[in-house]
C-alpha atoms as a PDB file:
ATOM      1  CA  MET A   1     -19.691 -15.191  31.927  1.00  0.00           C
ATOM      2  CA  SER A   2     -22.040 -16.666  29.503  1.00  0.00           C
ATOM      3  CA  ASP A   3     -20.833 -19.434  26.914  1.00  0.00           C
ATOM      4  CA  TYR A   4     -21.101 -16.563  23.996  1.00  0.00           C
ATOM      5  CA  SER A   5     -18.490 -14.571  25.760  1.00  0.00           C
ATOM      6  CA  ASN A   6     -16.102 -17.515  26.831  1.00  0.00           C
ATOM      7  CA  ILE A   7     -16.212 -18.632  22.946  1.00  0.00           C
ATOM      8  CA  LEU A   8     -15.335 -15.235  21.724  1.00  0.00           C
ATOM      9  CA  GLN A   9     -12.842 -14.875  24.241  1.00  0.00           C
ATOM     10  CA  ASP A  10     -11.410 -18.225  23.187  1.00  0.00           C
ATOM     11  CA  LEU A  11     -11.487 -17.244  19.409  1.00  0.00           C
ATOM     12  CA  LYS A  12      -9.494 -14.120  19.869  1.00  0.00           C
ATOM     13  CA  ALA A  13      -7.061 -15.972  21.873  1.00  0.00           C
ATOM     14  CA  LEU A  14      -6.666 -18.618  18.882  1.00  0.00           C
ATOM     15  CA  ASN A  15      -5.884 -15.648  16.631  1.00  0.00           C
ATOM     16  CA  LEU A  16      -3.123 -14.596  18.732  1.00  0.00           C
ATOM     17  CA  GLU A  17      -1.646 -18.123  18.915  1.00  0.00           C
ATOM     18  CA  LYS A  18      -2.039 -18.470  14.969  1.00  0.00           C
ATOM     19  CA  ALA A  19       0.018 -15.461  14.451  1.00  0.00           C
ATOM     20  CA  PHE A  20       2.580 -15.986  11.621  1.00  0.00           C
ATOM     21  CA  PRO A  21       5.850 -14.541  10.393  1.00  0.00           C
ATOM     22  CA  VAL A  22       5.870 -11.867   7.392  1.00  0.00           C
ATOM     23  CA  PHE A  23       9.408 -10.414   5.931  1.00  0.00           C
ATOM     24  CA  ILE A  24       9.111  -6.693   5.906  1.00  0.00           C
ATOM     25  CA  PRO A  25      11.430  -5.243   3.289  1.00  0.00           C
ATOM     26  CA  SER A  26      12.080  -1.564   5.199  1.00  0.00           C
ATOM     27  CA  GLN A  27      13.004  -3.623   8.371  1.00  0.00           C
ATOM     28  CA  ASN A  28      14.786  -6.452   6.784  1.00  0.00           C
ATOM     29  CA  ARG A  29      13.425  -8.888   9.162  1.00  0.00           C
ATOM     30  CA  GLU A  30      10.246 -10.887   9.991  1.00  0.00           C
ATOM     31  CA  VAL A  31       7.470  -9.394  12.203  1.00  0.00           C
ATOM     32  CA  GLN A  32       4.591 -11.617  13.635  1.00  0.00           C
ATOM     33  CA  PHE A  33       1.032 -10.938  12.465  1.00  0.00           C
ATOM     34  CA  THR A  34      -2.389 -12.250  13.469  1.00  0.00           C
ATOM     35  CA  PRO A  35      -4.422 -13.868  10.706  1.00  0.00           C
ATOM     36  CA  LEU A  36      -7.143 -11.808   9.052  1.00  0.00           C
ATOM     37  CA  THR A  37     -10.936 -12.348  10.749  1.00  0.00           C
ATOM     38  CA  VAL A  38     -13.986 -12.849   8.616  1.00  0.00           C
ATOM     39  CA  LYS A  39     -15.264  -9.493   9.358  1.00  0.00           C
ATOM     40  CA  GLN A  40     -11.814  -8.216   7.681  1.00  0.00           C
ATOM     41  CA  GLN A  41     -12.208 -10.190   4.719  1.00  0.00           C
ATOM     42  CA  LYS A  42     -15.706  -8.815   4.464  1.00  0.00           C
ATOM     43  CA  ASP A  43     -14.395  -5.100   4.899  1.00  0.00           C
ATOM     44  CA  ILE A  44     -12.054  -5.843   1.970  1.00  0.00           C
ATOM     45  CA  ILE A  45     -14.468  -7.500  -0.303  1.00  0.00           C
ATOM     46  CA  LYS A  46     -16.937  -4.504   0.731  1.00  0.00           C
ATOM     47  CA  GLY A  47     -15.196  -1.854  -0.990  1.00  0.00           C
ATOM     48  CA  ALA A  48     -14.904  -3.449  -4.291  1.00  0.00           C
ATOM     49  CA  LEU A  49     -18.771  -2.742  -4.758  1.00  0.00           C
ATOM     50  CA  ASP A  50     -17.933   0.802  -5.310  1.00  0.00           C
ATOM     51  CA  ALA A  51     -16.192   1.003  -8.362  1.00  0.00           C
ATOM     52  CA  ALA A  52     -15.399   4.679  -7.939  1.00  0.00           C
ATOM     53  CA  THR A  53     -13.924   4.382  -4.455  1.00  0.00           C
ATOM     54  CA  SER A  54     -12.695   0.727  -4.709  1.00  0.00           C
ATOM     55  CA  ASN A  55      -8.708   1.310  -4.737  1.00  0.00           C
ATOM     56  CA  VAL A  56      -8.902   4.010  -2.477  1.00  0.00           C
ATOM     57  CA  LEU A  57     -11.220   1.897   0.260  1.00  0.00           C
ATOM     58  CA  PHE A  58      -8.995  -1.208  -0.569  1.00  0.00           C
ATOM     59  CA  ASN A  59      -5.972   0.670   0.516  1.00  0.00           C
ATOM     60  CA  SER A  60      -7.451   2.420   3.607  1.00  0.00           C
ATOM     61  CA  VAL A  61      -8.914  -0.778   4.610  1.00  0.00           C
ATOM     62  CA  THR A  62      -5.892  -2.866   4.339  1.00  0.00           C
ATOM     63  CA  ASN A  63      -3.647  -0.121   6.170  1.00  0.00           C
ATOM     64  CA  ASP A  64      -5.947  -0.292   9.091  1.00  0.00           C
ATOM     65  CA  ILE A  65      -5.734  -4.255   9.040  1.00  0.00           C
ATOM     66  CA  ILE A  66      -2.127  -3.980   8.890  1.00  0.00           C
ATOM     67  CA  LYS A  67      -1.933  -1.770  12.002  1.00  0.00           C
ATOM     68  CA  SER A  68      -4.275  -3.773  13.740  1.00  0.00           C
ATOM     69  CA  ASN A  69      -2.790  -7.178  13.132  1.00  0.00           C
ATOM     70  CA  SER A  70       0.791  -6.362  13.549  1.00  0.00           C
ATOM     71  CA  SER A  71       2.400  -7.758  16.842  1.00  0.00           C
ATOM     72  CA  GLU A  72       4.565  -4.600  16.919  1.00  0.00           C
ATOM     73  CA  PRO A  73       3.550  -0.954  16.899  1.00  0.00           C
ATOM     74  CA  ILE A  74       5.346  -0.178  13.507  1.00  0.00           C
ATOM     75  CA  ASP A  75       4.342   2.346  11.055  1.00  0.00           C
ATOM     76  CA  TYR A  76       5.089   0.418   8.224  1.00  0.00           C
ATOM     77  CA  LEU A  77       6.022   1.965   4.851  1.00  0.00           C
ATOM     78  CA  ILE A  78       3.884   1.614   1.803  1.00  0.00           C
ATOM     79  CA  LEU A  79       6.793  -0.588   0.079  1.00  0.00           C
ATOM     80  CA  ASP A  80       6.082  -2.971   2.801  1.00  0.00           C
ATOM     81  CA  LYS A  81       2.566  -3.581   1.898  1.00  0.00           C
ATOM     82  CA  THR A  82       2.419  -6.106  -0.864  1.00  0.00           C
ATOM     83  CA  SER A  83       4.638  -8.457   1.130  1.00  0.00           C
ATOM     84  CA  ILE A  84       2.329  -8.197   4.185  1.00  0.00           C
ATOM     85  CA  LEU A  85      -0.893  -8.797   2.051  1.00  0.00           C
ATOM     86  CA  VAL A  86       0.544 -11.762   0.105  1.00  0.00           C
ATOM     87  CA  HIS A  87       1.356 -13.429   3.435  1.00  0.00           C
ATOM     88  CA  PHE A  88      -2.054 -12.436   4.669  1.00  0.00           C
ATOM     89  CA  ARG A  89      -3.589 -14.275   1.516  1.00  0.00           C
ATOM     90  CA  LEU A  90      -1.329 -17.277   1.901  1.00  0.00           C
ATOM     91  CA  GLN A  91      -2.411 -17.722   5.629  1.00  0.00           C
ATOM     92  CA  ALA A  92      -6.100 -17.250   4.787  1.00  0.00           C
ATOM     93  CA  LEU A  93      -6.479 -18.971   1.475  1.00  0.00           C
ATOM     94  CA  GLY A  94      -3.532 -21.387   0.826  1.00  0.00           C
ATOM     95  CA  ASP A  95      -0.549 -21.606  -1.365  1.00  0.00           C
ATOM     96  CA  GLN A  96      -2.271 -22.047  -4.718  1.00  0.00           C
ATOM     97  CA  ILE A  97      -3.399 -19.060  -6.864  1.00  0.00           C
ATOM     98  CA  LYS A  98      -4.618 -18.890 -10.559  1.00  0.00           C
ATOM     99  CA  LEU A  99      -3.372 -15.859 -12.398  1.00  0.00           C
ATOM    100  CA  PRO A 100      -4.319 -14.930 -15.824  1.00  0.00           C
ATOM    101  CA  ASP A 101      -1.921 -15.225 -18.873  1.00  0.00           C
ATOM    102  CA  PRO A 102      -1.093 -11.142 -19.784  1.00  0.00           C
ATOM    103  CA  ASP A 103      -1.385 -12.293 -23.573  1.00  0.00           C
ATOM    104  CA  ASP A 104      -4.206 -14.533 -23.481  1.00  0.00           C
ATOM    105  CA  ASP A 105      -7.276 -13.992 -21.349  1.00  0.00           C
ATOM    106  CA  ASN A 106      -8.394 -17.921 -21.963  1.00  0.00           C
ATOM    107  CA  VAL A 107      -5.058 -18.988 -20.346  1.00  0.00           C
ATOM    108  CA  GLU A 108      -4.557 -19.418 -16.605  1.00  0.00           C
ATOM    109  CA  TYR A 109      -1.396 -20.415 -14.607  1.00  0.00           C
ATOM    110  CA  ASP A 110      -1.446 -22.302 -11.395  1.00  0.00           C
ATOM    111  CA  VAL A 111       1.011 -20.512  -9.098  1.00  0.00           C
ATOM    112  CA  ASN A 112       2.493 -21.402  -5.718  1.00  0.00           C
ATOM    113  CA  LEU A 113       2.240 -18.202  -3.889  1.00  0.00           C
ATOM    114  CA  ARG A 114       4.495 -19.347  -0.868  1.00  0.00           C
ATOM    115  CA  ASP A 115       7.388 -19.937  -3.147  1.00  0.00           C
ATOM    116  CA  HIS A 116       7.118 -16.678  -4.640  1.00  0.00           C
ATOM    117  CA  ALA A 117       7.183 -15.438  -1.017  1.00  0.00           C
ATOM    118  CA  ASN A 118      10.099 -17.078   0.211  1.00  0.00           C
ATOM    119  CA  THR A 119      12.003 -15.002  -2.853  1.00  0.00           C
ATOM    120  CA  PHE A 120      11.014 -11.617  -0.972  1.00  0.00           C
ATOM    121  CA  PRO A 121      14.152 -11.664   1.647  1.00  0.00           C
ATOM    122  CA  THR A 122      16.556 -11.804  -1.122  1.00  0.00           C
ATOM    123  CA  MET A 123      15.004  -8.232  -2.702  1.00  0.00           C
ATOM    124  CA  THR A 124      17.529  -5.687  -1.827  1.00  0.00           C
ATOM    125  CA  LEU A 125      16.090  -2.641  -0.704  1.00  0.00           C
ATOM    126  CA  ALA A 126      18.715   0.221  -1.883  1.00  0.00           C
ATOM    127  CA  PRO A 127      19.040   3.585   0.204  1.00  0.00           C
ATOM    128  CA  GLU A 128      17.815   5.533  -2.645  1.00  0.00           C
ATOM    129  CA  VAL A 129      14.510   3.903  -2.596  1.00  0.00           C
ATOM    130  CA  LEU A 130      13.676   4.787   0.955  1.00  0.00           C
ATOM    131  CA  GLN A 131      14.911   8.923   0.668  1.00  0.00           C
ATOM    132  CA  GLU A 132      16.426  11.120  -1.879  1.00  0.00           C
ATOM    133  CA  THR A 133      17.286  14.986  -1.554  1.00  0.00           C
ATOM    134  CA  ILE A 134      16.224  16.953  -4.794  1.00  0.00           C
ATOM    135  CA  VAL A 135      17.366  20.517  -5.383  1.00  0.00           C
ATOM    136  CA  TYR A 136      16.266  23.152  -7.919  1.00  0.00           C
ATOM    137  CA  SER A 137      17.402  26.894  -7.856  1.00  0.00           C
ATOM    138  CA  ASN A 138      17.378  27.696  -4.011  1.00  0.00           C
ATOM    139  CA  ILE A 139      14.548  24.911  -3.310  1.00  0.00           C
ATOM    140  CA  THR A 140      15.223  21.642  -1.377  1.00  0.00           C
ATOM    141  CA  GLY A 141      13.253  18.937  -1.024  1.00  0.00           C
ATOM    142  CA  ALA A 142      13.505  15.852   1.261  1.00  0.00           C
ATOM    143  CA  LEU A 143      11.774  12.882  -0.501  1.00  0.00           C
ATOM    144  CA  ARG A 144      10.852   9.726   1.522  1.00  0.00           C
ATOM    145  CA  THR A 145       8.948   6.588   0.816  1.00  0.00           C
ATOM    146  CA  PRO A 146       5.775   7.447   3.060  1.00  0.00           C
ATOM    147  CA  PRO A 147       4.681   5.375   5.801  1.00  0.00           C
ATOM    148  CA  LEU A 148       1.088   3.873   5.744  1.00  0.00           C
ATOM    149  CA  SER A 149      -0.334   6.460   8.034  1.00  0.00           C
ATOM    150  CA  ILE A 150       0.487   9.256   5.799  1.00  0.00           C
ATOM    151  CA  ASP A 151      -0.893   6.979   2.689  1.00  0.00           C
ATOM    152  CA  THR A 152      -4.349   6.585   4.666  1.00  0.00           C
ATOM    153  CA  LYS A 153      -4.523  10.250   5.526  1.00  0.00           C
ATOM    154  CA  PHE A 154      -4.549  10.999   1.918  1.00  0.00           C
ATOM    155  CA  ASN A 155      -6.667   8.040   0.887  1.00  0.00           C
ATOM    156  CA  ASP A 156      -9.699   9.215   3.397  1.00  0.00           C
ATOM    157  CA  ASP A 157      -9.584  12.580   1.618  1.00  0.00           C
ATOM    158  CA  THR A 158      -9.116  11.138  -1.940  1.00  0.00           C
ATOM    159  CA  LYS A 159     -12.510   9.187  -1.098  1.00  0.00           C
ATOM    160  CA  LYS A 160     -14.203  12.405   0.148  1.00  0.00           C
ATOM    161  CA  SER A 161     -13.202  13.832  -3.466  1.00  0.00           C
ATOM    162  CA  LEU A 162     -14.450  10.854  -5.330  1.00  0.00           C
ATOM    163  CA  GLU A 163     -17.808  10.643  -3.471  1.00  0.00           C
ATOM    164  CA  GLN A 164     -18.588  14.446  -4.483  1.00  0.00           C
ATOM    165  CA  VAL A 165     -17.774  13.925  -8.150  1.00  0.00           C
ATOM    166  CA  GLN A 166     -20.544  13.773 -10.776  1.00  0.00           C
ATOM    167  CA  SER A 167     -20.609  10.965 -12.933  1.00  0.00           C
ATOM    168  CA  GLY A 168     -18.387  11.187 -15.973  1.00  0.00           C
ATOM    169  CA  ASP A 169     -16.443  14.291 -14.629  1.00  0.00           C
ATOM    170  CA  LEU A 170     -13.298  13.109 -12.961  1.00  0.00           C
ATOM    171  CA  SER A 171     -10.901  15.514 -14.422  1.00  0.00           C
ATOM    172  CA  ASP A 172     -10.987  17.556 -11.073  1.00  0.00           C
ATOM    173  CA  THR A 173     -10.438  14.381  -9.222  1.00  0.00           C
ATOM    174  CA  ILE A 174      -7.482  12.826 -11.490  1.00  0.00           C
ATOM    175  CA  GLY A 175      -5.652  15.797 -10.869  1.00  0.00           C
ATOM    176  CA  ASP A 176      -6.064  15.492  -7.091  1.00  0.00           C
ATOM    177  CA  LEU A 177      -5.039  12.183  -7.065  1.00  0.00           C
ATOM    178  CA  PHE A 178      -1.821  13.389  -8.791  1.00  0.00           C
ATOM    179  CA  ILE A 179      -1.208  16.226  -6.246  1.00  0.00           C
ATOM    180  CA  PHE A 180      -1.700  13.704  -3.282  1.00  0.00           C
ATOM    181  CA  GLU A 181       0.593  11.160  -4.767  1.00  0.00           C
ATOM    182  CA  LEU A 182       3.682  14.129  -4.996  1.00  0.00           C
ATOM    183  CA  ILE A 183       2.344  14.993  -1.270  1.00  0.00           C
ATOM    184  CA  LYS A 184       2.935  11.924   0.256  1.00  0.00           C
ATOM    185  CA  PHE A 185       6.477  11.638  -1.134  1.00  0.00           C
ATOM    186  CA  LEU A 186       7.425  14.858  -0.068  1.00  0.00           C
ATOM    187  CA  HIS A 187       8.797  15.085   3.380  1.00  0.00           C
ATOM    188  CA  THR A 188      10.145  18.618   4.021  1.00  0.00           C
ATOM    189  CA  LEU A 189      10.526  21.635   1.383  1.00  0.00           C
ATOM    190  CA  THR A 190      13.260  24.308   2.217  1.00  0.00           C
ATOM    191  CA  ILE A 191      13.710  27.641   0.786  1.00  0.00           C
ATOM    192  CA  GLY A 192      16.723  29.763   2.160  1.00  0.00           C
ATOM    193  CA  GLU A 193      16.424  29.246   6.217  1.00  0.00           C
ATOM    194  CA  LYS A 194      12.484  28.457   5.834  1.00  0.00           C
ATOM    195  CA  THR A 195      11.592  24.753   5.889  1.00  0.00           C
ATOM    196  CA  VAL A 196       8.097  23.162   6.447  1.00  0.00           C
ATOM    197  CA  VAL A 197       7.262  19.547   7.189  1.00  0.00           C
ATOM    198  CA  VAL A 198       4.581  18.706   4.595  1.00  0.00           C
ATOM    199  CA  SER A 199       2.742  16.184   6.678  1.00  0.00           C
ATOM    200  CA  ASP A 200       2.359  18.670   9.636  1.00  0.00           C
ATOM    201  CA  LEU A 201       0.354  20.753   7.081  1.00  0.00           C
ATOM    202  CA  SER A 202      -3.317  20.512   6.514  1.00  0.00           C
ATOM    203  CA  ILE A 203      -4.368  18.901   3.450  1.00  0.00           C
ATOM    204  CA  PRO A 204      -5.259  22.232   1.646  1.00  0.00           C
ATOM    205  CA  GLN A 205      -2.020  23.801   2.610  1.00  0.00           C
ATOM    206  CA  ALA A 206      -0.185  20.802   1.192  1.00  0.00           C
ATOM    207  CA  VAL A 207      -2.062  20.676  -1.815  1.00  0.00           C
ATOM    208  CA  SER A 208      -1.387  24.557  -2.388  1.00  0.00           C
ATOM    209  CA  LEU A 209       2.478  24.155  -1.507  1.00  0.00           C
ATOM    210  CA  VAL A 210       2.691  21.126  -4.147  1.00  0.00           C
ATOM    211  CA  GLU A 211       0.605  23.008  -6.665  1.00  0.00           C
ATOM    212  CA  ASN A 212       2.969  25.892  -6.740  1.00  0.00           C
ATOM    213  CA  LEU A 213       6.231  23.925  -7.072  1.00  0.00           C
ATOM    214  CA  PRO A 214       8.197  24.463 -10.257  1.00  0.00           C
ATOM    215  CA  LEU A 215       7.636  21.708 -12.739  1.00  0.00           C
ATOM    216  CA  MET A 216      11.085  20.706 -12.977  1.00  0.00           C
ATOM    217  CA  LEU A 217      10.880  19.834  -9.334  1.00  0.00           C
ATOM    218  CA  SER A 218       7.673  17.818  -9.346  1.00  0.00           C
ATOM    219  CA  ASN A 219       9.428  15.695 -12.311  1.00  0.00           C
ATOM    220  CA  LYS A 220      12.327  15.031  -9.645  1.00  0.00           C
ATOM    221  CA  ILE A 221       9.283  13.607  -7.423  1.00  0.00           C
ATOM    222  CA  ILE A 222       8.003  11.498  -9.999  1.00  0.00           C
ATOM    223  CA  THR A 223      11.182   9.811 -10.620  1.00  0.00           C
ATOM    224  CA  PHE A 224      11.651   9.019  -6.932  1.00  0.00           C
ATOM    225  CA  ILE A 225       8.102   7.524  -7.015  1.00  0.00           C
ATOM    226  CA  ASP A 226       8.522   5.350 -10.250  1.00  0.00           C
ATOM    227  CA  ARG A 227      11.741   4.022  -8.364  1.00  0.00           C
ATOM    228  CA  VAL A 228       9.812   3.033  -5.086  1.00  0.00           C
ATOM    229  CA  ARG A 229       7.194   1.478  -7.291  1.00  0.00           C
ATOM    230  CA  GLU A 230       9.526  -0.548  -9.186  1.00  0.00           C
ATOM    231  CA  PHE A 231      10.737  -1.894  -6.067  1.00  0.00           C
ATOM    232  CA  GLU A 232       7.218  -2.787  -5.057  1.00  0.00           C
ATOM    233  CA  GLN A 233       6.618  -4.282  -8.215  1.00  0.00           C
ATOM    234  CA  GLY A 234       9.202  -7.318  -7.435  1.00  0.00           C
ATOM    235  CA  PHE A 235       6.602  -8.326  -4.760  1.00  0.00           C
ATOM    236  CA  SER A 236       3.654  -8.648  -7.018  1.00  0.00           C
ATOM    237  CA  ASN A 237       5.536  -9.872  -9.977  1.00  0.00           C
ATOM    238  CA  VAL A 238       5.493 -13.618 -10.551  1.00  0.00           C
ATOM    239  CA  LYS A 239       8.161 -14.923 -12.840  1.00  0.00           C
ATOM    240  CA  THR A 240       7.310 -18.295 -14.530  1.00  0.00           C
ATOM    241  CA  ALA A 241       9.578 -20.257 -17.254  1.00  0.00           C
ATOM    242  CA  ASP A 242       8.367 -18.047 -19.826  1.00  0.00           C
ATOM    243  CA  LYS A 243       5.939 -15.652 -18.490  1.00  0.00           C
ATOM    244  CA  SER A 244       6.072 -12.556 -16.177  1.00  0.00           C
ATOM    245  CA  LEU A 245       2.328 -12.718 -14.370  1.00  0.00           C
ATOM    246  CA  GLU A 246       1.099 -10.189 -11.948  1.00  0.00           C
ATOM    247  CA  LEU A 247      -0.491 -10.661  -8.411  1.00  0.00           C
ATOM    248  CA  PRO A 248      -3.897  -8.474  -8.401  1.00  0.00           C
ATOM    249  CA  ILE A 249      -3.330  -6.431  -5.379  1.00  0.00           C
ATOM    250  CA  ASP A 250      -6.937  -5.496  -4.789  1.00  0.00           C
ATOM    251  CA  ALA A 251      -9.896  -6.832  -3.140  1.00  0.00           C
ATOM    252  CA  THR A 252      -9.971  -9.877  -5.805  1.00  0.00           C
ATOM    253  CA  PHE A 253      -6.822 -11.002  -4.221  1.00  0.00           C
ATOM    254  CA  PHE A 254      -8.857 -12.037  -0.713  1.00  0.00           C
ATOM    255  CA  ASN A 255     -11.943 -13.408  -2.960  1.00  0.00           C
ATOM    256  CA  THR A 256     -12.436 -17.182  -2.176  1.00  0.00           C
ATOM    257  CA  THR A 257     -14.442 -17.785  -5.427  1.00  0.00           C
END
C-alpha cells in the first residue's frame, strides 16, 4: 500500500477517534458523531453561492452529513438538527462566536457557544411537539415532527422547482414551499375507513392531497408546525444579560472568516 493510501486510512481512523457527544432532544440522550471534514465544510459553504437555492441546499447537505457522521443509524427529527449543527460548529471552530445585536448592526456580542450548548439537556420536549391528532368533520389527520429523511425528500424537489423558476417569478414556488411544509408534517390522513400514509405517496400525489384539504384543517397543521418551530428556536436563541441573540443556522455558521 502506498504512503498516500496509508495516510488516507490514518486520517479516516483519526476522525473516528475524535468522535464527540451530541445531545439529541428526541432521544433525550447523547449520541457520538465524527467531526466535519474539509470536504463537508466545502459542501456546506458551496451551497451559499446560489442565492435562490442556498437554504434548500444547506438543509439537504447538512441532513446528509448528519446521517453520514452519526455513530448510530438514527433517522433524526428536524427538531434535533440545530443541536447537532451547534455541536459540529463547536468541534470544528471552537467555543467563541460573534453575534450581531438585533437592534444595532454596528454592535456585536462575543458568545460562548459551549455554555449555550450545555443548556440543551434542560430543554423539555413535550409530547405535543412530537405528534398530534387533528379532526375536522369526518377527516382525521395524524401529525408528526418529520424525520430528516422526509425533509430531504422534499428539499430535493424544492430545489428542482427553484432551478426552473424564471428570475423574478417566484410566486408559484413560494406556494410550493408552503405546500411542501404542510406535507412534511402530515403523517396520515383518514376519511371514514380510508387511510393514506402521506410519505408513501409520490410528491405530485401528496401535493394534490394537501391542496384539497379544507382550510380549517391546514390551519391546524400550521399551528402544530409553529409549536415545533418554537421548540427548535430554543436551540438557536442565545440569551445574554439584556439581549436575545439568534445563531445563524445557515452556511455562514460554518464560515471561518
